[in-house]
């Protein structure tokens, strides 16, 4: 069984979405409702300010939150402007759904903060950047011990089986033998030069 409470002096109502009063709906009495700890219509602890005042003016609802940051439907809101016809108001640690008398406030929930997603995106970008740095410094210069093996693989990959590579005591590479394609040999020479190998 549902009861419809109508207040002829105000067309606005609120529903608490958190704290001890969660689920309670209240009409604005004579177009005003104050929330706070001392001398207020509803006694509720606030994180900032002593009082939050909701007031009806020219068929619009305004919030006076003092220095507290006001969020409506999860976004920062200018308290000098009227609130929309319905939504979720978050201010000074209190979350309330608000709307006109025909609005079903039970369907409203506290919106998820988008700032958490930005933080997660920042961490992800830092992680990707760190991985890029680690991968870029991972390609360290080749040591002389790795070069003989790489030269052998280069010659095998280029199908130059009749060219013999011999390392000299001065660290240079002597190539000798037969190659049927001068283009293949030029590619091998270019690769050796890019590795910094002195060859004859």
C-alpha atoms as a PDB file:
ATOM      1  CA  UNK A   1       0.000   0.000   0.000  1.00  0.00           C
ATOM      2  CA  UNK A   2       1.503   3.346  -1.031  1.00  0.00           C
ATOM      3  CA  UNK A   3       0.611   6.737   0.355  1.00  0.00           C
ATOM      4  CA  UNK A   4       1.023   9.898  -1.665  1.00  0.00           C
ATOM      5  CA  UNK A   5       2.058  12.794   0.526  1.00  0.00           C
ATOM      6  CA  UNK A   6       1.437  16.124  -1.128  1.00  0.00           C
ATOM      7  CA  UNK A   7       2.616  19.419   0.301  1.00  0.00           C
ATOM      8  CA  UNK A   8       0.583  22.298  -1.137  1.00  0.00           C
ATOM      9  CA  UNK A   9       3.277  24.818  -0.090  1.00  0.00           C
ATOM     10  CA  UNK A  10       6.099  23.152  -2.091  1.00  0.00           C
ATOM     11  CA  UNK A  11       6.369  21.019  -5.205  1.00  0.00           C
ATOM     12  CA  UNK A  12       9.879  19.689  -4.378  1.00  0.00           C
ATOM     13  CA  UNK A  13      10.959  16.638  -2.415  1.00  0.00           C
ATOM     14  CA  UNK A  14      14.254  14.952  -1.571  1.00  0.00           C
ATOM     15  CA  UNK A  15      15.335  11.388  -0.793  1.00  0.00           C
ATOM     16  CA  UNK A  16      18.486  10.570   1.172  1.00  0.00           C
ATOM     17  CA  UNK A  17      20.825   8.175  -0.630  1.00  0.00           C
ATOM     18  CA  UNK A  18      23.294   7.515   2.148  1.00  0.00           C
ATOM     19  CA  UNK A  19      23.971   7.696   5.901  1.00  0.00           C
ATOM     20  CA  UNK A  20      21.447   6.827   8.587  1.00  0.00           C
ATOM     21  CA  UNK A  21      18.549   8.453   6.748  1.00  0.00           C
ATOM     22  CA  UNK A  22      19.021   6.422   3.554  1.00  0.00           C
ATOM     23  CA  UNK A  23      15.727   5.909   1.732  1.00  0.00           C
ATOM     24  CA  UNK A  24      13.791   8.599   3.671  1.00  0.00           C
ATOM     25  CA  UNK A  25      11.839  11.088   1.540  1.00  0.00           C
ATOM     26  CA  UNK A  26      11.136  14.602   2.785  1.00  0.00           C
ATOM     27  CA  UNK A  27       9.149  17.472   1.299  1.00  0.00           C
ATOM     28  CA  UNK A  28      10.498  21.001   1.397  1.00  0.00           C
ATOM     29  CA  UNK A  29       8.503  22.760   4.107  1.00  0.00           C
ATOM     30  CA  UNK A  30       7.218  26.097   2.826  1.00  0.00           C
ATOM     31  CA  UNK A  31       9.784  25.982   0.026  1.00  0.00           C
ATOM     32  CA  UNK A  32      12.833  25.686   2.338  1.00  0.00           C
ATOM     33  CA  UNK A  33      14.746  22.851   3.957  1.00  0.00           C
ATOM     34  CA  UNK A  34      17.929  23.112   5.985  1.00  0.00           C
ATOM     35  CA  UNK A  35      20.355  20.259   6.669  1.00  0.00           C
ATOM     36  CA  UNK A  36      23.075  20.393   9.297  1.00  0.00           C
ATOM     37  CA  UNK A  37      23.888  19.849  12.946  1.00  0.00           C
ATOM     38  CA  UNK A  38      22.582  22.946  14.768  1.00  0.00           C
ATOM     39  CA  UNK A  39      19.232  24.676  14.342  1.00  0.00           C
ATOM     40  CA  UNK A  40      18.308  22.883  11.117  1.00  0.00           C
ATOM     41  CA  UNK A  41      15.163  21.154   9.891  1.00  0.00           C
ATOM     42  CA  UNK A  42      17.031  17.854   9.580  1.00  0.00           C
ATOM     43  CA  UNK A  43      19.940  17.099  11.894  1.00  0.00           C
ATOM     44  CA  UNK A  44      22.656  15.326   9.917  1.00  0.00           C
ATOM     45  CA  UNK A  45      26.467  15.533  10.211  1.00  0.00           C
ATOM     46  CA  UNK A  46      28.225  17.394   7.394  1.00  0.00           C
ATOM     47  CA  UNK A  47      31.878  17.219   6.364  1.00  0.00           C
ATOM     48  CA  UNK A  48      32.066  20.939   5.491  1.00  0.00           C
ATOM     49  CA  UNK A  49      29.898  23.897   6.563  1.00  0.00           C
ATOM     50  CA  UNK A  50      27.417  24.083   9.364  1.00  0.00           C
ATOM     51  CA  UNK A  51      24.360  24.126   7.146  1.00  0.00           C
ATOM     52  CA  UNK A  52      23.049  23.344   3.670  1.00  0.00           C
ATOM     53  CA  UNK A  53      19.858  25.095   2.611  1.00  0.00           C
ATOM     54  CA  UNK A  54      17.591  23.967  -0.211  1.00  0.00           C
ATOM     55  CA  UNK A  55      15.147  26.672  -1.246  1.00  0.00           C
ATOM     56  CA  UNK A  56      12.410  26.904  -3.811  1.00  0.00           C
ATOM     57  CA  UNK A  57      12.291  30.138  -5.760  1.00  0.00           C
ATOM     58  CA  UNK A  58      10.180  30.850  -8.859  1.00  0.00           C
ATOM     59  CA  UNK A  59       9.385  27.142  -9.354  1.00  0.00           C
ATOM     60  CA  UNK A  60      13.127  26.305  -9.299  1.00  0.00           C
ATOM     61  CA  UNK A  61      15.235  24.682  -6.601  1.00  0.00           C
ATOM     62  CA  UNK A  62      18.477  26.307  -5.411  1.00  0.00           C
ATOM     63  CA  UNK A  63      21.154  25.050  -3.017  1.00  0.00           C
ATOM     64  CA  UNK A  64      23.140  27.245  -0.621  1.00  0.00           C
ATOM     65  CA  UNK A  65      26.172  25.214   0.410  1.00  0.00           C
ATOM     66  CA  UNK A  66      28.570  27.929   1.499  1.00  0.00           C
ATOM     67  CA  UNK A  67      32.148  26.881   0.730  1.00  0.00           C
ATOM     68  CA  UNK A  68      31.319  23.236   0.054  1.00  0.00           C
ATOM     69  CA  UNK A  69      31.780  21.861  -3.450  1.00  0.00           C
ATOM     70  CA  UNK A  70      28.464  20.994  -5.106  1.00  0.00           C
ATOM     71  CA  UNK A  71      28.064  18.102  -7.545  1.00  0.00           C
ATOM     72  CA  UNK A  72      24.875  17.333  -9.447  1.00  0.00           C
ATOM     73  CA  UNK A  73      24.566  14.001 -11.252  1.00  0.00           C
ATOM     74  CA  UNK A  74      28.284  13.370 -10.714  1.00  0.00           C
ATOM     75  CA  UNK A  75      29.467  16.662 -12.236  1.00  0.00           C
ATOM     76  CA  UNK A  76      30.644  19.872 -10.624  1.00  0.00           C
ATOM     77  CA  UNK A  77      27.783  22.366 -10.376  1.00  0.00           C
ATOM     78  CA  UNK A  78      27.558  26.147  -9.971  1.00  0.00           C
ATOM     79  CA  UNK A  79      25.366  26.755  -6.876  1.00  0.00           C
ATOM     80  CA  UNK A  80      24.275  30.161  -8.215  1.00  0.00           C
ATOM     81  CA  UNK A  81      22.227  28.413 -10.896  1.00  0.00           C
ATOM     82  CA  UNK A  82      18.958  26.547 -10.281  1.00  0.00           C
ATOM     83  CA  UNK A  83      19.113  22.781  -9.954  1.00  0.00           C
ATOM     84  CA  UNK A  84      17.664  20.701 -12.812  1.00  0.00           C
ATOM     85  CA  UNK A  85      14.135  19.305 -12.473  1.00  0.00           C
ATOM     86  CA  UNK A  86      15.517  16.089 -10.918  1.00  0.00           C
ATOM     87  CA  UNK A  87      18.821  14.421 -10.157  1.00  0.00           C
ATOM     88  CA  UNK A  88      21.329  13.595  -7.443  1.00  0.00           C
ATOM     89  CA  UNK A  89      22.908  16.327  -5.322  1.00  0.00           C
ATOM     90  CA  UNK A  90      26.214  15.628  -3.549  1.00  0.00           C
ATOM     91  CA  UNK A  91      27.451  18.238  -1.099  1.00  0.00           C
ATOM     92  CA  UNK A  92      29.393  18.195   2.195  1.00  0.00           C
ATOM     93  CA  UNK A  93      29.340  14.398   2.413  1.00  0.00           C
ATOM     94  CA  UNK A  94      25.581  14.130   1.877  1.00  0.00           C
ATOM     95  CA  UNK A  95      23.984  12.583  -1.212  1.00  0.00           C
ATOM     96  CA  UNK A  96      20.309  13.228  -1.897  1.00  0.00           C
ATOM     97  CA  UNK A  97      18.012  12.697  -4.844  1.00  0.00           C
ATOM     98  CA  UNK A  98      15.735  15.638  -5.581  1.00  0.00           C
ATOM     99  CA  UNK A  99      12.789  16.221  -7.851  1.00  0.00           C
ATOM    100  CA  UNK A 100       9.270  17.516  -8.295  1.00  0.00           C
ATOM    101  CA  UNK A 101       6.326  15.863  -6.558  1.00  0.00           C
ATOM    102  CA  UNK A 102       5.630  13.485  -9.477  1.00  0.00           C
ATOM    103  CA  UNK A 103       9.262  12.314  -9.714  1.00  0.00           C
ATOM    104  CA  UNK A 104      10.103   8.762  -8.562  1.00  0.00           C
ATOM    105  CA  UNK A 105      13.204   9.314  -6.420  1.00  0.00           C
ATOM    106  CA  UNK A 106      13.640   5.657  -5.421  1.00  0.00           C
ATOM    107  CA  UNK A 107      15.266   4.937  -8.802  1.00  0.00           C
ATOM    108  CA  UNK A 108      18.175   7.339  -8.251  1.00  0.00           C
ATOM    109  CA  UNK A 109      21.607   6.147  -7.116  1.00  0.00           C
ATOM    110  CA  UNK A 110      24.807   7.928  -6.172  1.00  0.00           C
ATOM    111  CA  UNK A 111      26.771   8.417  -9.421  1.00  0.00           C
ATOM    112  CA  UNK A 112      30.218   6.862  -9.674  1.00  0.00           C
ATOM    113  CA  UNK A 113      32.951   9.482  -9.559  1.00  0.00           C
ATOM    114  CA  UNK A 114      34.749   9.936 -12.864  1.00  0.00           C
ATOM    115  CA  UNK A 115      37.914  11.088 -11.111  1.00  0.00           C
ATOM    116  CA  UNK A 116      38.723   7.457 -10.326  1.00  0.00           C
ATOM    117  CA  UNK A 117      38.750   6.647 -14.025  1.00  0.00           C
ATOM    118  CA  UNK A 118      41.124   9.533 -14.809  1.00  0.00           C
ATOM    119  CA  UNK A 119      43.456   8.290 -12.086  1.00  0.00           C
ATOM    120  CA  UNK A 120      43.349   4.798 -13.545  1.00  0.00           C
ATOM    121  CA  UNK A 121      44.016   6.148 -17.045  1.00  0.00           C
ATOM    122  CA  UNK A 122      47.009   8.086 -15.696  1.00  0.00           C
ATOM    123  CA  UNK A 123      48.438   4.978 -14.051  1.00  0.00           C
ATOM    124  CA  UNK A 124      47.931   3.053 -17.287  1.00  0.00           C
ATOM    125  CA  UNK A 125      49.776   5.703 -19.329  1.00  0.00           C
ATOM    126  CA  UNK A 126      52.659   5.757 -16.842  1.00  0.00           C
ATOM    127  CA  UNK A 127      52.841   1.962 -17.028  1.00  0.00           C
ATOM    128  CA  UNK A 128      52.900   1.977 -20.842  1.00  0.00           C
ATOM    129  CA  UNK A 129      55.537   4.739 -20.853  1.00  0.00           C
ATOM    130  CA  UNK A 130      57.681   2.785 -18.408  1.00  0.00           C
ATOM    131  CA  UNK A 131      57.424  -0.322 -20.554  1.00  0.00           C
ATOM    132  CA  UNK A 132      58.468   1.721 -23.594  1.00  0.00           C
ATOM    133  CA  UNK A 133      61.503   3.079 -21.756  1.00  0.00           C
ATOM    134  CA  UNK A 134      62.494  -0.386 -20.577  1.00  0.00           C
ATOM    135  CA  UNK A 135      62.163  -1.802 -24.068  1.00  0.00           C
ATOM    136  CA  UNK A 136      64.129   1.049 -25.635  1.00  0.00           C
ATOM    137  CA  UNK A 137      67.081   0.660 -23.266  1.00  0.00           C
ATOM    138  CA  UNK A 138      66.928  -3.108 -23.679  1.00  0.00           C
ATOM    139  CA  UNK A 139      68.529  -2.837 -27.139  1.00  0.00           C
ATOM    140  CA  UNK A 140      72.047  -2.271 -25.806  1.00  0.00           C
ATOM    141  CA  UNK A 141      75.048  -2.238 -28.152  1.00  0.00           C
ATOM    142  CA  UNK A 142      76.246  -5.625 -29.258  1.00  0.00           C
ATOM    143  CA  UNK A 143      79.304  -7.069 -27.629  1.00  0.00           C
ATOM    144  CA  UNK A 144      82.075  -8.565 -29.743  1.00  0.00           C
ATOM    145  CA  UNK A 145      81.184 -12.047 -28.479  1.00  0.00           C
ATOM    146  CA  UNK A 146      77.698 -11.820 -30.007  1.00  0.00           C
ATOM    147  CA  UNK A 147      78.908 -10.628 -33.416  1.00  0.00           C
ATOM    148  CA  UNK A 148      80.422 -13.890 -34.732  1.00  0.00           C
ATOM    149  CA  UNK A 149      77.156 -15.692 -34.131  1.00  0.00           C
ATOM    150  CA  UNK A 150      75.137 -12.880 -35.708  1.00  0.00           C
ATOM    151  CA  UNK A 151      77.402 -12.801 -38.779  1.00  0.00           C
ATOM    152  CA  UNK A 152      76.987 -16.574 -39.197  1.00  0.00           C
ATOM    153  CA  UNK A 153      73.174 -16.230 -39.006  1.00  0.00           C
ATOM    154  CA  UNK A 154      73.279 -13.300 -41.452  1.00  0.00           C
ATOM    155  CA  UNK A 155      75.198 -15.312 -44.025  1.00  0.00           C
ATOM    156  CA  UNK A 156      72.919 -18.335 -43.571  1.00  0.00           C
ATOM    157  CA  UNK A 157      69.779 -16.193 -43.836  1.00  0.00           C
ATOM    158  CA  UNK A 158      71.039 -14.546 -47.027  1.00  0.00           C
ATOM    159  CA  UNK A 159      71.768 -17.985 -48.587  1.00  0.00           C
ATOM    160  CA  UNK A 160      75.424 -17.132 -48.987  1.00  0.00           C
ATOM    161  CA  UNK A 161      76.826 -20.532 -48.062  1.00  0.00           C
ATOM    162  CA  UNK A 162      80.065 -20.318 -50.071  1.00  0.00           C
ATOM    163  CA  UNK A 163      81.334 -17.172 -48.331  1.00  0.00           C
ATOM    164  CA  UNK A 164      83.530 -17.841 -45.345  1.00  0.00           C
ATOM    165  CA  UNK A 165      83.757 -15.374 -42.434  1.00  0.00           C
ATOM    166  CA  UNK A 166      86.969 -15.327 -40.453  1.00  0.00           C
ATOM    167  CA  UNK A 167      87.656 -13.004 -37.530  1.00  0.00           C
ATOM    168  CA  UNK A 168      91.178 -11.542 -37.306  1.00  0.00           C
ATOM    169  CA  UNK A 169      93.105 -10.681 -34.142  1.00  0.00           C
ATOM    170  CA  UNK A 170      92.562  -6.937 -34.673  1.00  0.00           C
ATOM    171  CA  UNK A 171      88.761  -7.489 -34.478  1.00  0.00           C
ATOM    172  CA  UNK A 172      88.122  -7.114 -38.192  1.00  0.00           C
ATOM    173  CA  UNK A 173      86.194  -9.606 -40.299  1.00  0.00           C
ATOM    174  CA  UNK A 174      87.596 -11.176 -43.453  1.00  0.00           C
ATOM    175  CA  UNK A 175      85.051 -12.430 -45.987  1.00  0.00           C
ATOM    176  CA  UNK A 176      86.303 -14.841 -48.621  1.00  0.00           C
ATOM    177  CA  UNK A 177      84.711 -17.230 -51.071  1.00  0.00           C
ATOM    178  CA  UNK A 178      82.177 -17.198 -53.884  1.00  0.00           C
ATOM    179  CA  UNK A 179      78.780 -15.402 -54.077  1.00  0.00           C
ATOM    180  CA  UNK A 180      76.481 -15.734 -57.098  1.00  0.00           C
ATOM    181  CA  UNK A 181      74.540 -12.507 -56.394  1.00  0.00           C
ATOM    182  CA  UNK A 182      76.255  -9.189 -55.847  1.00  0.00           C
ATOM    183  CA  UNK A 183      72.958  -7.708 -54.572  1.00  0.00           C
ATOM    184  CA  UNK A 184      72.861 -10.201 -51.715  1.00  0.00           C
ATOM    185  CA  UNK A 185      76.478  -9.437 -50.867  1.00  0.00           C
ATOM    186  CA  UNK A 186      75.782  -5.678 -50.856  1.00  0.00           C
ATOM    187  CA  UNK A 187      72.909  -6.212 -48.389  1.00  0.00           C
ATOM    188  CA  UNK A 188      75.244  -8.227 -46.169  1.00  0.00           C
ATOM    189  CA  UNK A 189      77.895  -5.473 -46.337  1.00  0.00           C
ATOM    190  CA  UNK A 190      75.303  -2.791 -45.467  1.00  0.00           C
ATOM    191  CA  UNK A 191      74.143  -4.839 -42.476  1.00  0.00           C
ATOM    192  CA  UNK A 192      77.720  -5.363 -41.297  1.00  0.00           C
ATOM    193  CA  UNK A 193      78.392  -1.608 -41.557  1.00  0.00           C
ATOM    194  CA  UNK A 194      75.246  -0.846 -39.542  1.00  0.00           C
ATOM    195  CA  UNK A 195      76.575  -3.165 -36.827  1.00  0.00           C
ATOM    196  CA  UNK A 196      79.931  -1.363 -36.862  1.00  0.00           C
ATOM    197  CA  UNK A 197      81.861  -4.391 -38.146  1.00  0.00           C
ATOM    198  CA  UNK A 198      85.140  -3.664 -39.950  1.00  0.00           C
ATOM    199  CA  UNK A 199      85.426  -6.124 -42.845  1.00  0.00           C
ATOM    200  CA  UNK A 200      87.683  -6.817 -45.867  1.00  0.00           C
END
